[in-house]
Amino acid sequence: MAIAIIIAPNVHAQEYVRSQPTGKARNVFAEISGGLAAETGAAVRDFAIFRDRNWSLLTLAQIPAASADAQTSLHTFHNCPACTETGISRFVVGRRPDAHKYIIAGLIEIGVEGVAAHYLRNHGPTRKGYWRYVWTLPQMISLYEHTHAALHNTGLQLGCERSGMNCY
């Protein structure tokens, strides 16, 4: 009778406690990569069906800005053999990149920033007032930088054409 009284509460308690079996450690890298794959899939799905209009429009605005930056840079490099890429992008695409390097780097950059903004928009503290704008930062900074670089490259080209000198 004493054994039944001692064992019965322990068996009942085990039904509520779900413990991990010993020797089964969590694989943190698998969890991170699985979460990243799930978020990337959700971002691609939302982009394809245009589910989140603001995020999709911001992602679509990045594409022409990056394309204009790449096109004006390539035009400058074509006309100026002494010109080189400056800034942080030279570590990714090199000092005198080709078009395919710009395309690959642009796809990766826009993809990473799009997924990051999608994650921040859907998993951030949405009830906080400031969060309405914080999720746009990854894409807005990129959009500004590409637009600024394209205008800078265009200014270089126009300045040289107006002066009549071959200053490329």
N, C-alpha and C. Protein backbone atom coordinates (compact mmCIF):
# COMPACT_ATOMS: atom_id res chain seq x y z
N MET A 1 0.82 -1.19 0.00
CA MET A 1 0.00 0.00 0.00
C MET A 1 0.87 1.26 0.00
N ALA A 2 1.95 1.26 0.76
CA ALA A 2 2.86 2.40 0.81
C ALA A 2 3.50 2.64 -0.55
N ILE A 3 3.86 1.58 -1.25
CA ILE A 3 4.48 1.72 -2.58
C ILE A 3 3.48 2.33 -3.55
N ALA A 4 2.23 1.94 -3.49
CA ALA A 4 1.20 2.48 -4.38
C ALA A 4 0.98 3.96 -4.11
N ILE A 5 1.02 4.36 -2.86
CA ILE A 5 0.84 5.77 -2.50
C ILE A 5 2.03 6.61 -2.95
N ILE A 6 3.24 6.06 -2.89
CA ILE A 6 4.44 6.81 -3.29
C ILE A 6 4.57 6.85 -4.81
N ILE A 7 4.29 5.78 -5.51
CA ILE A 7 4.50 5.71 -6.95
C ILE A 7 3.39 6.43 -7.72
N ALA A 8 2.15 6.37 -7.30
CA ALA A 8 1.03 6.94 -8.05
C ALA A 8 1.19 8.44 -8.31
N PRO A 9 1.56 9.26 -7.34
CA PRO A 9 1.74 10.69 -7.66
C PRO A 9 2.90 10.94 -8.60
N ASN A 10 3.94 10.13 -8.53
CA ASN A 10 5.08 10.31 -9.43
C ASN A 10 4.71 9.97 -10.87
N VAL A 11 3.96 8.93 -11.08
CA VAL A 11 3.52 8.56 -12.42
C VAL A 11 2.59 9.64 -12.97
N HIS A 12 1.70 10.14 -12.15
CA HIS A 12 0.78 11.18 -12.57
C HIS A 12 1.53 12.46 -12.94
N ALA A 13 2.57 12.80 -12.20
CA ALA A 13 3.35 14.00 -12.48
C ALA A 13 4.12 13.87 -13.79
N GLN A 14 4.53 12.67 -14.16
CA GLN A 14 5.27 12.49 -15.40
C GLN A 14 4.40 12.71 -16.62
N GLU A 15 3.11 12.59 -16.48
CA GLU A 15 2.23 12.82 -17.62
C GLU A 15 2.21 14.30 -18.01
N TYR A 16 2.43 15.18 -17.06
CA TYR A 16 2.38 16.62 -17.33
C TYR A 16 3.74 17.20 -17.71
N VAL A 17 4.80 16.60 -17.27
CA VAL A 17 6.13 17.12 -17.54
C VAL A 17 6.67 16.41 -18.77
N ARG A 18 6.89 17.15 -19.80
CA ARG A 18 7.47 16.60 -21.02
C ARG A 18 8.93 17.03 -21.07
N SER A 19 9.79 16.13 -20.77
CA SER A 19 11.21 16.46 -20.74
C SER A 19 11.89 15.88 -21.96
N GLN A 20 12.99 16.51 -22.34
CA GLN A 20 13.80 16.02 -23.45
C GLN A 20 14.56 14.79 -23.00
N PRO A 21 14.67 13.79 -23.85
CA PRO A 21 15.46 12.62 -23.48
C PRO A 21 16.92 13.01 -23.32
N THR A 22 17.59 12.36 -22.42
CA THR A 22 18.99 12.68 -22.20
C THR A 22 19.80 12.30 -23.42
N GLY A 23 20.85 13.08 -23.67
CA GLY A 23 21.70 12.83 -24.82
C GLY A 23 21.22 13.52 -26.08
N LYS A 24 20.05 14.13 -26.07
CA LYS A 24 19.53 14.85 -27.23
C LYS A 24 19.75 16.34 -27.02
N ALA A 25 20.85 16.86 -27.50
CA ALA A 25 21.12 18.29 -27.38
C ALA A 25 20.51 19.02 -28.58
N ARG A 26 20.07 20.24 -28.34
CA ARG A 26 19.52 21.05 -29.42
C ARG A 26 20.64 21.49 -30.35
N ASN A 27 20.39 21.48 -31.61
CA ASN A 27 21.35 21.94 -32.59
C ASN A 27 20.99 23.38 -32.95
N VAL A 28 21.75 24.32 -32.39
CA VAL A 28 21.45 25.73 -32.56
C VAL A 28 21.61 26.15 -34.01
N PHE A 29 22.62 25.63 -34.69
CA PHE A 29 22.83 26.00 -36.08
C PHE A 29 21.69 25.53 -36.97
N ALA A 30 21.17 24.36 -36.69
CA ALA A 30 20.03 23.85 -37.46
C ALA A 30 18.79 24.70 -37.21
N GLU A 31 18.59 25.15 -35.97
CA GLU A 31 17.45 25.99 -35.66
C GLU A 31 17.55 27.34 -36.35
N ILE A 32 18.75 27.93 -36.37
CA ILE A 32 18.94 29.23 -37.02
C ILE A 32 18.75 29.10 -38.52
N SER A 33 19.36 28.09 -39.13
CA SER A 33 19.21 27.93 -40.57
C SER A 33 17.77 27.58 -40.95
N GLY A 34 17.09 26.81 -40.12
CA GLY A 34 15.68 26.52 -40.38
C GLY A 34 14.81 27.76 -40.28
N GLY A 35 15.09 28.60 -39.29
CA GLY A 35 14.35 29.85 -39.15
C GLY A 35 14.62 30.80 -40.29
N LEU A 36 15.88 30.86 -40.73
CA LEU A 36 16.24 31.72 -41.86
C LEU A 36 15.56 31.23 -43.14
N ALA A 37 15.54 29.93 -43.34
CA ALA A 37 14.87 29.37 -44.53
C ALA A 37 13.37 29.64 -44.49
N ALA A 38 12.78 29.51 -43.31
CA ALA A 38 11.34 29.77 -43.18
C ALA A 38 11.02 31.24 -43.44
N GLU A 39 11.84 32.14 -42.91
CA GLU A 39 11.61 33.58 -43.12
C GLU A 39 11.84 33.97 -44.57
N THR A 40 12.84 33.37 -45.21
CA THR A 40 13.08 33.64 -46.62
C THR A 40 11.91 33.15 -47.46
N GLY A 41 11.41 31.98 -47.15
CA GLY A 41 10.24 31.46 -47.87
C GLY A 41 9.01 32.34 -47.70
N ALA A 42 8.81 32.82 -46.48
CA ALA A 42 7.67 33.71 -46.22
C ALA A 42 7.83 35.03 -46.96
N ALA A 43 9.06 35.56 -47.00
CA ALA A 43 9.30 36.81 -47.71
C ALA A 43 9.08 36.65 -49.21
N VAL A 44 9.56 35.55 -49.78
CA VAL A 44 9.36 35.30 -51.21
C VAL A 44 7.88 35.13 -51.52
N ARG A 45 7.17 34.40 -50.68
CA ARG A 45 5.74 34.20 -50.88
C ARG A 45 4.99 35.54 -50.81
N ASP A 46 5.30 36.34 -49.79
CA ASP A 46 4.62 37.64 -49.65
C ASP A 46 4.96 38.58 -50.80
N PHE A 47 6.19 38.50 -51.31
CA PHE A 47 6.58 39.34 -52.43
C PHE A 47 5.88 38.89 -53.71
N ALA A 48 5.76 37.58 -53.90
CA ALA A 48 5.15 37.06 -55.13
C ALA A 48 3.65 37.37 -55.19
N ILE A 49 2.97 37.32 -54.06
CA ILE A 49 1.53 37.57 -54.09
C ILE A 49 1.19 39.00 -53.69
N PHE A 50 2.22 39.83 -53.48
CA PHE A 50 2.04 41.25 -53.14
C PHE A 50 1.15 41.39 -51.91
N ARG A 51 1.46 40.59 -50.89
CA ARG A 51 0.62 40.55 -49.69
C ARG A 51 0.79 41.78 -48.82
N ASP A 52 2.04 42.17 -48.60
CA ASP A 52 2.33 43.35 -47.78
C ASP A 52 2.74 44.47 -48.73
N ARG A 53 1.81 45.36 -49.02
CA ARG A 53 2.01 46.36 -50.06
C ARG A 53 3.19 47.28 -49.78
N ASN A 54 3.31 47.80 -48.55
CA ASN A 54 4.39 48.74 -48.24
C ASN A 54 5.76 48.09 -48.37
N TRP A 55 5.89 46.90 -47.84
CA TRP A 55 7.18 46.20 -47.92
C TRP A 55 7.51 45.84 -49.37
N SER A 56 6.51 45.39 -50.13
CA SER A 56 6.75 45.03 -51.53
C SER A 56 7.14 46.24 -52.37
N LEU A 57 6.48 47.37 -52.14
CA LEU A 57 6.84 48.58 -52.89
C LEU A 57 8.25 49.06 -52.55
N LEU A 58 8.62 48.95 -51.30
CA LEU A 58 9.97 49.33 -50.90
C LEU A 58 11.01 48.41 -51.52
N THR A 59 10.70 47.13 -51.59
CA THR A 59 11.60 46.18 -52.23
C THR A 59 11.69 46.45 -53.73
N LEU A 60 10.56 46.74 -54.35
CA LEU A 60 10.57 47.06 -55.78
C LEU A 60 11.30 48.37 -56.07
N ALA A 61 11.29 49.32 -55.15
CA ALA A 61 11.99 50.59 -55.36
C ALA A 61 13.51 50.40 -55.29
N GLN A 62 13.96 49.40 -54.57
CA GLN A 62 15.40 49.15 -54.47
C GLN A 62 15.99 48.69 -55.80
N ILE A 63 15.22 47.97 -56.58
CA ILE A 63 15.75 47.37 -57.81
C ILE A 63 16.19 48.44 -58.82
N PRO A 64 15.37 49.45 -59.17
CA PRO A 64 15.86 50.46 -60.11
C PRO A 64 16.98 51.33 -59.55
N ALA A 65 16.97 51.56 -58.24
CA ALA A 65 18.04 52.37 -57.65
C ALA A 65 19.38 51.64 -57.75
N ALA A 66 19.39 50.35 -57.44
CA ALA A 66 20.62 49.56 -57.55
C ALA A 66 21.03 49.41 -59.01
N SER A 67 20.05 49.25 -59.91
CA SER A 67 20.36 49.13 -61.33
C SER A 67 20.95 50.42 -61.89
N ALA A 68 20.40 51.56 -61.48
CA ALA A 68 20.94 52.85 -61.93
C ALA A 68 22.35 53.06 -61.41
N ASP A 69 22.60 52.68 -60.18
CA ASP A 69 23.94 52.79 -59.62
C ASP A 69 24.92 51.92 -60.40
N ALA A 70 24.54 50.70 -60.67
CA ALA A 70 25.42 49.80 -61.42
C ALA A 70 25.65 50.30 -62.84
N GLN A 71 24.60 50.77 -63.50
CA GLN A 71 24.73 51.23 -64.88
C GLN A 71 25.62 52.46 -64.98
N THR A 72 25.44 53.42 -64.08
CA THR A 72 26.27 54.62 -64.14
C THR A 72 27.71 54.32 -63.75
N SER A 73 27.90 53.39 -62.84
CA SER A 73 29.27 52.99 -62.48
C SER A 73 29.96 52.30 -63.66
N LEU A 74 29.24 51.39 -64.31
CA LEU A 74 29.83 50.71 -65.47
C LEU A 74 30.14 51.68 -66.60
N HIS A 75 29.28 52.66 -66.80
CA HIS A 75 29.53 53.67 -67.83
C HIS A 75 30.79 54.47 -67.49
N THR A 76 30.94 54.82 -66.24
CA THR A 76 32.13 55.56 -65.81
C THR A 76 33.38 54.71 -66.00
N PHE A 77 33.33 53.44 -65.63
CA PHE A 77 34.49 52.56 -65.78
C PHE A 77 34.83 52.34 -67.26
N HIS A 78 33.82 52.33 -68.10
CA HIS A 78 34.06 52.13 -69.54
C HIS A 78 34.80 53.33 -70.13
N ASN A 79 34.47 54.53 -69.67
CA ASN A 79 35.08 55.75 -70.22
C ASN A 79 36.33 56.19 -69.49
N CYS A 80 36.61 55.62 -68.34
CA CYS A 80 37.76 56.06 -67.54
C CYS A 80 38.58 54.85 -67.12
N PRO A 81 39.70 54.62 -67.76
CA PRO A 81 40.51 53.46 -67.38
C PRO A 81 41.18 53.60 -66.02
N ALA A 82 41.30 54.81 -65.51
CA ALA A 82 41.97 55.02 -64.23
C ALA A 82 41.00 55.02 -63.04
N CYS A 83 39.70 55.04 -63.31
CA CYS A 83 38.71 55.09 -62.23
C CYS A 83 38.58 53.72 -61.56
N THR A 84 38.32 53.75 -60.26
CA THR A 84 38.12 52.51 -59.50
C THR A 84 36.91 52.67 -58.60
N GLU A 85 36.39 51.54 -58.17
CA GLU A 85 35.26 51.52 -57.22
C GLU A 85 35.78 51.94 -55.85
N THR A 86 35.03 52.78 -55.18
CA THR A 86 35.42 53.22 -53.83
C THR A 86 34.33 52.81 -52.85
N GLY A 87 34.63 52.96 -51.60
CA GLY A 87 33.66 52.64 -50.58
C GLY A 87 33.69 51.18 -50.20
N ILE A 88 32.69 50.79 -49.45
CA ILE A 88 32.63 49.43 -48.92
C ILE A 88 32.38 48.40 -50.02
N SER A 89 31.77 48.82 -51.11
CA SER A 89 31.44 47.88 -52.18
C SER A 89 32.67 47.30 -52.86
N ARG A 90 33.79 47.99 -52.77
CA ARG A 90 34.99 47.45 -53.42
C ARG A 90 35.46 46.15 -52.78
N PHE A 91 35.11 45.93 -51.52
CA PHE A 91 35.47 44.67 -50.87
C PHE A 91 34.63 43.51 -51.39
N VAL A 92 33.45 43.81 -51.92
CA VAL A 92 32.55 42.78 -52.40
C VAL A 92 32.72 42.54 -53.90
N VAL A 93 32.75 43.63 -54.69
CA VAL A 93 32.77 43.49 -56.14
C VAL A 93 34.14 43.75 -56.76
N GLY A 94 35.08 44.27 -56.01
CA GLY A 94 36.41 44.55 -56.54
C GLY A 94 36.56 46.01 -56.94
N ARG A 95 37.75 46.36 -57.36
CA ARG A 95 38.02 47.75 -57.72
C ARG A 95 37.50 48.11 -59.11
N ARG A 96 37.51 47.17 -60.05
CA ARG A 96 36.98 47.41 -61.40
C ARG A 96 36.03 46.26 -61.76
N PRO A 97 34.82 46.29 -61.23
CA PRO A 97 33.90 45.16 -61.42
C PRO A 97 33.28 45.12 -62.82
N ASP A 98 32.85 43.93 -63.17
CA ASP A 98 32.09 43.72 -64.40
C ASP A 98 30.60 43.75 -64.06
N ALA A 99 29.78 43.69 -65.09
CA ALA A 99 28.33 43.74 -64.88
C ALA A 99 27.83 42.55 -64.07
N HIS A 100 28.40 41.36 -64.32
CA HIS A 100 27.90 40.18 -63.60
C HIS A 100 28.18 40.27 -62.10
N LYS A 101 29.26 40.93 -61.71
CA LYS A 101 29.54 41.11 -60.27
C LYS A 101 28.50 42.03 -59.64
N TYR A 102 28.14 43.09 -60.36
CA TYR A 102 27.10 44.00 -59.86
C TYR A 102 25.76 43.29 -59.75
N ILE A 103 25.44 42.47 -60.73
CA ILE A 103 24.15 41.77 -60.72
C ILE A 103 24.06 40.81 -59.54
N ILE A 104 25.10 40.00 -59.36
CA ILE A 104 25.10 39.03 -58.26
C ILE A 104 25.08 39.74 -56.91
N ALA A 105 25.93 40.75 -56.75
CA ALA A 105 25.97 41.49 -55.48
C ALA A 105 24.65 42.20 -55.21
N GLY A 106 24.02 42.74 -56.26
CA GLY A 106 22.74 43.42 -56.09
C GLY A 106 21.63 42.48 -55.69
N LEU A 107 21.59 41.30 -56.32
CA LEU A 107 20.57 40.32 -55.95
C LEU A 107 20.73 39.87 -54.51
N ILE A 108 21.96 39.61 -54.11
CA ILE A 108 22.20 39.20 -52.72
C ILE A 108 21.85 40.32 -51.76
N GLU A 109 22.28 41.54 -52.06
CA GLU A 109 22.01 42.68 -51.17
C GLU A 109 20.51 42.94 -51.02
N ILE A 110 19.80 43.01 -52.13
CA ILE A 110 18.37 43.29 -52.07
C ILE A 110 17.63 42.14 -51.39
N GLY A 111 18.07 40.92 -51.64
CA GLY A 111 17.44 39.77 -51.00
C GLY A 111 17.63 39.76 -49.49
N VAL A 112 18.85 40.01 -49.05
CA VAL A 112 19.13 40.01 -47.60
C VAL A 112 18.38 41.15 -46.92
N GLU A 113 18.41 42.33 -47.52
CA GLU A 113 17.71 43.47 -46.91
C GLU A 113 16.20 43.28 -46.93
N GLY A 114 15.69 42.67 -47.98
CA GLY A 114 14.26 42.41 -48.05
C GLY A 114 13.81 41.42 -46.99
N VAL A 115 14.59 40.35 -46.79
CA VAL A 115 14.24 39.37 -45.76
C VAL A 115 14.38 39.99 -44.37
N ALA A 116 15.43 40.80 -44.17
CA ALA A 116 15.60 41.45 -42.86
C ALA A 116 14.44 42.39 -42.55
N ALA A 117 14.03 43.18 -43.53
CA ALA A 117 12.90 44.09 -43.31
C ALA A 117 11.60 43.31 -43.11
N HIS A 118 11.43 42.23 -43.83
CA HIS A 118 10.24 41.38 -43.66
C HIS A 118 10.20 40.80 -42.26
N TYR A 119 11.35 40.34 -41.78
CA TYR A 119 11.43 39.80 -40.42
C TYR A 119 11.11 40.87 -39.39
N LEU A 120 11.73 42.05 -39.53
CA LEU A 120 11.49 43.13 -38.57
C LEU A 120 10.03 43.58 -38.58
N ARG A 121 9.44 43.61 -39.76
CA ARG A 121 8.04 44.05 -39.87
C ARG A 121 7.09 43.06 -39.21
N ASN A 122 7.36 41.78 -39.34
CA ASN A 122 6.43 40.76 -38.85
C ASN A 122 6.74 40.26 -37.45
N HIS A 123 7.94 40.46 -36.95
CA HIS A 123 8.30 39.90 -35.66
C HIS A 123 8.72 40.95 -34.63
N GLY A 124 8.57 42.20 -34.94
CA GLY A 124 8.95 43.25 -34.01
C GLY A 124 7.82 43.63 -33.09
N PRO A 125 8.08 44.54 -32.17
CA PRO A 125 7.02 45.00 -31.25
C PRO A 125 6.06 45.94 -31.99
N THR A 126 5.06 45.36 -32.63
CA THR A 126 4.18 46.14 -33.50
C THR A 126 3.32 47.15 -32.75
N ARG A 127 3.17 46.99 -31.47
CA ARG A 127 2.36 47.95 -30.71
C ARG A 127 3.12 49.22 -30.36
N LYS A 128 4.43 49.19 -30.53
CA LYS A 128 5.24 50.38 -30.25
C LYS A 128 5.12 51.33 -31.44
N GLY A 129 4.96 52.61 -31.16
CA GLY A 129 4.77 53.60 -32.21
C GLY A 129 5.98 53.76 -33.11
N TYR A 130 7.16 53.70 -32.53
CA TYR A 130 8.36 53.89 -33.33
C TYR A 130 8.60 52.73 -34.29
N TRP A 131 8.04 51.56 -34.03
CA TRP A 131 8.32 50.39 -34.84
C TRP A 131 7.68 50.48 -36.23
N ARG A 132 6.73 51.38 -36.40
CA ARG A 132 6.13 51.55 -37.72
C ARG A 132 7.15 51.96 -38.76
N TYR A 133 8.24 52.58 -38.31
CA TYR A 133 9.24 53.09 -39.23
C TYR A 133 10.58 52.37 -39.12
N VAL A 134 10.87 51.71 -38.02
CA VAL A 134 12.16 51.06 -37.82
C VAL A 134 12.35 49.92 -38.81
N TRP A 135 11.31 49.18 -39.12
CA TRP A 135 11.45 48.03 -40.02
C TRP A 135 11.89 48.47 -41.42
N THR A 136 11.69 49.73 -41.79
CA THR A 136 12.07 50.21 -43.12
C THR A 136 13.55 50.53 -43.23
N LEU A 137 14.26 50.62 -42.12
CA LEU A 137 15.65 51.07 -42.16
C LEU A 137 16.57 50.26 -43.06
N PRO A 138 16.56 48.92 -43.04
CA PRO A 138 17.49 48.21 -43.93
C PRO A 138 17.31 48.57 -45.40
N GLN A 139 16.07 48.70 -45.83
CA GLN A 139 15.82 49.00 -47.23
C GLN A 139 15.97 50.49 -47.55
N MET A 140 15.58 51.35 -46.64
CA MET A 140 15.67 52.79 -46.90
C MET A 140 17.12 53.26 -46.98
N ILE A 141 17.97 52.71 -46.14
CA ILE A 141 19.39 53.08 -46.19
C ILE A 141 19.99 52.65 -47.52
N SER A 142 19.68 51.44 -47.96
CA SER A 142 20.18 50.96 -49.24
C SER A 142 19.62 51.79 -50.40
N LEU A 143 18.35 52.10 -50.34
CA LEU A 143 17.73 52.91 -51.39
C LEU A 143 18.39 54.28 -51.49
N TYR A 144 18.64 54.90 -50.35
CA TYR A 144 19.31 56.20 -50.34
C TYR A 144 20.73 56.10 -50.89
N GLU A 145 21.49 55.10 -50.45
CA GLU A 145 22.88 54.97 -50.88
C GLU A 145 22.98 54.73 -52.39
N HIS A 146 22.13 53.87 -52.93
CA HIS A 146 22.18 53.60 -54.37
C HIS A 146 21.76 54.82 -55.17
N THR A 147 20.73 55.52 -54.71
CA THR A 147 20.30 56.74 -55.41
C THR A 147 21.37 57.80 -55.36
N HIS A 148 21.99 57.97 -54.21
CA HIS A 148 23.06 58.95 -54.07
C HIS A 148 24.25 58.60 -54.95
N ALA A 149 24.62 57.33 -55.00
CA ALA A 149 25.75 56.92 -55.84
C ALA A 149 25.44 57.11 -57.32
N ALA A 150 24.21 56.81 -57.74
CA ALA A 150 23.85 57.00 -59.14
C ALA A 150 23.89 58.48 -59.52
N LEU A 151 23.38 59.33 -58.64
CA LEU A 151 23.44 60.78 -58.91
C LEU A 151 24.88 61.29 -58.91
N HIS A 152 25.71 60.77 -58.04
CA HIS A 152 27.13 61.14 -58.01
C HIS A 152 27.82 60.74 -59.31
N ASN A 153 27.57 59.51 -59.76
CA ASN A 153 28.18 59.06 -61.02
C ASN A 153 27.68 59.88 -62.20
N THR A 154 26.39 60.22 -62.21
CA THR A 154 25.85 61.05 -63.28
C THR A 154 26.46 62.44 -63.24
N GLY A 155 26.67 62.98 -62.04
CA GLY A 155 27.32 64.28 -61.91
C GLY A 155 28.74 64.26 -62.43
N LEU A 156 29.45 63.18 -62.19
CA LEU A 156 30.81 63.05 -62.73
C LEU A 156 30.79 63.06 -64.25
N GLN A 157 29.86 62.33 -64.82
CA GLN A 157 29.78 62.23 -66.27
C GLN A 157 29.39 63.57 -66.89
N LEU A 158 28.40 64.25 -66.31
CA LEU A 158 27.96 65.54 -66.85
C LEU A 158 29.02 66.62 -66.68
N GLY A 159 29.73 66.60 -65.56
CA GLY A 159 30.79 67.59 -65.33
C GLY A 159 31.91 67.47 -66.35
N CYS A 160 32.25 66.27 -66.70
CA CYS A 160 33.31 66.05 -67.69
C CYS A 160 32.84 66.43 -69.08
N GLU A 161 31.58 66.15 -69.39
CA GLU A 161 31.07 66.50 -70.72
C GLU A 161 30.95 68.01 -70.89
N ARG A 162 30.55 68.71 -69.83
CA ARG A 162 30.41 70.17 -69.92
C ARG A 162 31.75 70.86 -70.06
N SER A 163 32.76 70.34 -69.40
CA SER A 163 34.07 70.98 -69.47
C SER A 163 34.79 70.68 -70.78
N GLY A 164 34.29 69.68 -71.51
CA GLY A 164 34.91 69.33 -72.79
C GLY A 164 36.20 68.55 -72.61
N MET A 165 36.53 68.20 -71.38
CA MET A 165 37.76 67.47 -71.14
C MET A 165 37.43 65.98 -71.01
N ASN A 166 38.41 65.19 -71.28
CA ASN A 166 38.26 63.74 -71.09
C ASN A 166 38.76 63.41 -69.70
N CYS A 167 37.97 63.73 -68.69
CA CYS A 167 38.41 63.58 -67.31
C CYS A 167 37.95 62.28 -66.69
N TYR A 168 37.48 61.39 -67.48
CA TYR A 168 37.07 60.10 -66.92
C TYR A 168 38.28 59.33 -66.48
